[in-house]
Protein backbone atom coordinates (compact mmCIF):
# COMPACT_ATOMS: atom_id res chain seq x y z
CA MET A 1 193.91 -22.28 -91.29
CA LYS A 2 194.97 -25.94 -91.21
CA GLU A 3 193.35 -28.57 -93.36
CA SER A 4 194.21 -32.25 -92.98
CA GLY A 5 197.60 -31.57 -91.41
CA ARG A 6 198.81 -29.04 -94.00
CA LYS A 7 198.46 -25.30 -94.48
CA GLN A 8 196.12 -24.43 -97.27
CA GLY A 9 197.94 -22.79 -100.14
CA ALA A 10 201.43 -23.81 -99.01
CA ALA A 11 202.61 -27.36 -99.67
CA SER A 12 203.82 -28.14 -96.13
CA PRO A 13 204.34 -31.89 -96.04
CA CYS A 14 202.89 -34.09 -93.32
CA ALA A 15 205.30 -35.76 -90.87
CA ALA A 16 205.31 -38.97 -92.93
CA CYS A 17 206.16 -37.29 -96.22
CA LYS A 18 208.75 -35.12 -94.52
CA LEU A 19 210.49 -38.17 -93.02
CA LEU A 20 210.24 -40.09 -96.29
CA ARG A 21 211.46 -36.99 -98.20
CA ARG A 22 208.72 -36.98 -100.74
CA ARG A 23 206.12 -34.54 -102.01
CA CYS A 24 202.94 -34.63 -99.94
CA ALA A 25 200.03 -35.04 -102.33
CA GLN A 26 196.60 -33.55 -101.69
CA ASP A 27 195.16 -37.04 -101.12
CA CYS A 28 198.03 -38.28 -98.91
CA VAL A 29 196.73 -41.08 -96.70
CA PHE A 30 199.16 -40.12 -93.89
CA ALA A 31 198.39 -36.39 -93.69
CA PRO A 32 195.22 -36.51 -91.55
CA TYR A 33 196.86 -38.76 -88.94
CA PHE A 34 200.50 -37.65 -88.90
CA PRO A 35 200.55 -33.83 -88.89
CA ALA A 36 203.80 -31.97 -89.52
CA ASP A 37 203.97 -30.72 -85.92
CA GLU A 38 204.10 -34.29 -84.52
CA PRO A 39 206.99 -35.97 -86.36
CA HIS A 40 207.76 -38.36 -83.48
CA LYS A 41 204.47 -40.22 -84.04
CA PHE A 42 205.29 -41.27 -87.57
CA ALA A 43 208.98 -41.82 -86.80
CA SER A 44 208.22 -44.52 -84.22
CA VAL A 45 205.47 -46.11 -86.36
CA HIS A 46 207.79 -46.12 -89.38
CA LYS A 47 210.61 -47.68 -87.34
CA VAL A 48 208.41 -50.56 -86.15
CA PHE A 49 205.97 -51.19 -89.02
CA GLY A 50 207.49 -49.53 -92.09
CA ALA A 51 205.82 -46.91 -94.24
CA SER A 52 204.49 -49.28 -96.90
CA ASN A 53 202.83 -51.54 -94.32
CA VAL A 54 201.21 -48.57 -92.59
CA ASN A 55 200.04 -47.29 -95.97
CA LYS A 56 198.52 -50.70 -96.82
CA MET A 57 196.80 -50.99 -93.44
CA LEU A 58 195.29 -47.52 -93.69
CA GLN A 59 194.10 -48.03 -97.27
CA GLU A 60 192.38 -51.31 -96.36
CA LEU A 61 190.37 -49.69 -93.57
CA PRO A 62 187.28 -47.53 -93.91
CA GLU A 63 188.03 -43.87 -93.16
CA HIS A 64 186.07 -43.83 -89.89
CA GLN A 65 188.35 -46.54 -88.44
CA ARG A 66 191.68 -45.12 -89.53
CA GLY A 67 192.08 -42.73 -86.61
CA ASP A 68 191.72 -45.55 -84.10
CA ALA A 69 194.09 -47.73 -86.11
CA VAL A 70 196.73 -44.99 -86.13
CA SER A 71 196.34 -44.51 -82.37
CA SER A 72 196.85 -48.24 -81.86
CA MET A 73 199.88 -48.32 -84.15
CA VAL A 74 201.45 -45.34 -82.37
CA TYR A 75 200.86 -46.98 -78.96
CA GLU A 76 202.28 -50.32 -80.09
CA ALA A 77 205.24 -48.68 -81.81
CA ASN A 78 206.13 -46.65 -78.71
CA ALA A 79 205.83 -49.78 -76.56
CA ARG A 80 208.05 -51.72 -79.00
CA VAL A 81 210.67 -48.97 -78.94
CA ARG A 82 210.74 -49.11 -75.12
CA ASP A 83 210.54 -52.92 -74.91
CA PRO A 84 211.49 -54.59 -78.21
CA VAL A 85 210.69 -58.12 -77.00
CA TYR A 86 207.29 -57.81 -75.36
CA GLY A 87 205.98 -54.43 -76.55
CA CYS A 88 202.58 -53.49 -75.20
CA VAL A 89 202.01 -57.05 -73.93
CA GLY A 90 204.83 -56.45 -71.46
CA ALA A 91 203.24 -53.20 -70.32
CA ILE A 92 199.84 -54.89 -69.92
CA SER A 93 201.40 -57.78 -68.01
CA SER A 94 203.21 -55.39 -65.68
CA LEU A 95 200.01 -53.46 -65.01
CA GLN A 96 198.12 -56.73 -64.37
CA GLN A 97 200.74 -57.75 -61.79
CA GLN A 98 200.36 -54.37 -60.09
CA ILE A 99 196.57 -54.81 -60.01
CA ASP A 100 196.90 -58.31 -58.51
CA HIS A 101 199.30 -57.06 -55.84
CA LEU A 102 197.10 -54.09 -54.95
CA GLN A 103 193.99 -56.29 -54.80
CA SER A 104 195.71 -58.63 -52.34
CA GLN A 105 196.82 -55.66 -50.22
CA LEU A 106 193.24 -54.38 -50.25
CA ALA A 107 191.92 -57.79 -49.19
CA ILE A 108 194.37 -57.90 -46.29
CA ALA A 109 193.42 -54.37 -45.21
CA GLN A 110 189.72 -55.24 -45.41
CA ALA A 111 190.30 -58.38 -43.33
CA GLU A 112 192.12 -56.30 -40.72
CA VAL A 113 189.23 -53.83 -40.60
CA VAL A 114 186.74 -56.68 -40.10
CA HIS A 115 188.95 -58.16 -37.38
CA MET A 116 189.23 -54.82 -35.58
CA ARG A 117 185.47 -54.23 -35.82
CA MET A 118 184.79 -57.71 -34.45
CA ARG A 119 187.19 -57.07 -31.57
CA GLN A 120 185.57 -53.67 -30.91
CA PHE A 121 182.09 -55.19 -31.08
CA SER A 122 183.00 -57.99 -28.67
CA SER A 123 184.51 -55.53 -26.18
CA MET A 124 181.45 -53.26 -26.39
CA SER A 125 178.98 -56.12 -26.00
CA GLY A 126 180.58 -57.25 -22.79
CA GLY A 127 182.36 -60.19 -24.34
CA GLY A 128 185.56 -59.10 -22.73
CA THR A 129 186.59 -56.57 -20.12
CA ALA A 130 189.67 -54.43 -20.27
CA GLY A 131 191.36 -56.50 -17.59
CA ASN A 132 190.73 -59.81 -19.36
CA SER A 133 191.29 -58.76 -22.96
CA PRO A 134 193.96 -60.77 -24.80
CA GLU A 135 196.21 -57.69 -25.04
CA ASN A 136 196.35 -57.33 -21.25
CA VAL A 137 196.92 -61.02 -20.38
CA SER A 138 200.47 -62.21 -19.86
CA PRO A 139 201.80 -64.65 -22.45
CA SER A 140 202.27 -67.42 -19.85
CA SER A 141 198.64 -67.30 -18.70
CA ARG A 142 197.15 -67.07 -22.19
CA HIS A 143 197.23 -70.81 -22.82
CA THR A 144 195.27 -71.52 -19.65
CA GLN A 145 192.39 -69.20 -20.57
CA THR A 146 189.61 -70.54 -22.74
CA GLN A 147 189.50 -68.85 -26.08
CA PRO A 148 186.14 -67.43 -27.23
CA THR A 149 184.50 -69.37 -30.04
CA MET A 150 185.10 -67.82 -33.44
CA SER A 151 182.25 -67.42 -35.86
CA LEU A 152 182.47 -69.14 -39.22
CA PHE A 153 182.77 -65.74 -40.91
CA THR A 154 185.79 -64.78 -38.81
CA MET A 155 187.44 -68.14 -39.47
CA ASP A 156 186.87 -67.72 -43.21
CA MET A 157 188.52 -64.30 -43.05
CA VAL A 158 191.53 -65.75 -41.21
CA VAL A 159 191.87 -68.55 -43.77
CA ASP A 160 191.49 -66.09 -46.67
CA GLN A 161 194.11 -63.79 -45.13
CA ALA A 162 196.51 -66.71 -44.68
CA ASN A 163 196.01 -67.73 -48.32
CA ILE A 164 196.64 -64.17 -49.50
CA GLU A 165 199.79 -63.84 -47.42
CA GLU A 166 201.01 -67.22 -48.68
CA SER A 167 200.43 -66.18 -52.31
CA LEU A 168 202.27 -62.90 -51.71
CA TRP A 169 205.34 -64.73 -50.42
CA SER A 170 205.35 -67.07 -53.40
CA CYS A 171 205.70 -64.13 -55.88
């Protein structure tokens, strides 16, 4: 049976005490959060923050907040190991750029859907016949035909799509 990261009866040190090569006391502040079977967690936290700083941080916090603090330290330490300059801020920034790009792609797709529905609606309502639809008119005779009036909504969608495409090219 395990209790706070150690076997009861045997003095199996937690990952922190094992890495620091010291005896793991019964009241070890690291033991509940850095069990012996997960040495990589403490190794990365120790590399970035140092054992004494982690010890101080944990001792200053109430016990109910220590688990969350350790999770945050492990996440930040792993991010710092991967990206020493930006750490988790770099990861967050990268994810935010992906979100922005995907949102603009979604807006373009939604605008295309609206455009296709408007075209379908106008062809079903008799606004255009198959012989006179813009797809079937030759390019030379297009400029002589009168273009149907666009609704304000459709014009807004075209302007929004142009702004989105322009912002995509500027990235």
